[in-house]
Amino acid sequence: MAEWKCSKCGFIKDSRCKTRKCPECGASGSFEKAGGAGAGKKSSCNTKKKRSCKK
């Protein structure tokens, strides 16, 4: 899992995939990977795997 941070309000969420809308401030597309070992890497959600983040 990765840690995602809203660039508008600072809300942090642990999730496998990038969140589209912030549950705190409602900003769309404002999430970026928060520090840690995987920071700066793109989400693997668009790769073909058994589970997908797209609904």
Protein backbone atom coordinates (compact mmCIF):
# COMPACT_ATOMS: atom_id res chain seq x y z
CA MET A 1 0.00 0.00 0.00
CA ALA A 2 1.01 3.56 -0.58
CA GLU A 3 0.44 6.75 1.32
CA TRP A 4 -1.32 9.47 -0.67
CA LYS A 5 -1.49 13.12 0.42
CA CYS A 6 -3.94 15.79 -0.75
CA SER A 7 -1.98 18.81 -1.99
CA LYS A 8 -4.86 21.13 -1.05
CA CYS A 9 -5.63 20.23 2.59
CA GLY A 10 -2.91 17.74 3.58
CA PHE A 11 -5.27 14.79 4.20
CA ILE A 12 -3.33 11.49 4.08
CA LYS A 13 -4.85 8.20 2.99
CA ASP A 14 -3.30 4.72 2.80
CA SER A 15 -4.44 3.11 -0.41
CA ARG A 16 -3.15 0.86 -3.15
CA CYS A 17 -4.30 3.33 -5.79
CA LYS A 18 -4.38 7.09 -6.12
CA THR A 19 -7.61 8.56 -4.76
CA ARG A 20 -9.54 10.64 -7.29
CA LYS A 21 -11.37 12.95 -4.86
CA CYS A 22 -10.33 14.05 -1.38
CA PRO A 23 -12.89 12.98 1.26
CA GLU A 24 -11.93 15.96 3.45
CA CYS A 25 -11.92 18.99 1.12
CA GLY A 26 -13.50 17.52 -2.04
CA ALA A 27 -10.62 18.51 -4.33
CA SER A 28 -10.35 16.40 -7.48
CA GLY A 29 -6.99 15.08 -8.70
CA SER A 30 -5.10 16.63 -5.80
CA PHE A 31 -3.47 13.47 -4.42
CA GLU A 32 0.27 12.86 -4.69
CA LYS A 33 2.38 10.13 -3.15
CA ALA A 34 3.50 11.12 0.32
CA GLY A 35 7.14 10.51 1.35
CA GLY A 36 8.57 7.08 1.98
CA ALA A 37 10.37 4.56 -0.19
CA GLY A 38 7.90 4.70 -3.08
CA ALA A 39 7.62 8.48 -3.31
CA GLY A 40 7.57 9.84 -6.81
CA LYS A 41 6.66 6.56 -8.46
CA LYS A 42 3.49 6.29 -10.48
CA SER A 43 0.61 4.17 -9.29
CA SER A 44 0.56 0.65 -10.68
CA CYS A 45 -3.20 0.81 -11.12
CA ASN A 46 -3.07 1.00 -14.90
CA THR A 47 -1.12 -2.22 -15.26
CA LYS A 48 -2.90 -5.46 -16.01
CA LYS A 49 -3.32 -7.34 -12.76
CA LYS A 50 -6.06 -9.36 -11.11
CA ARG A 51 -7.31 -6.40 -9.09
CA SER A 52 -7.89 -3.03 -10.66
CA CYS A 53 -8.53 0.35 -9.12
CA LYS A 54 -10.83 1.43 -11.91
CA LYS A 55 -14.50 0.80 -11.29
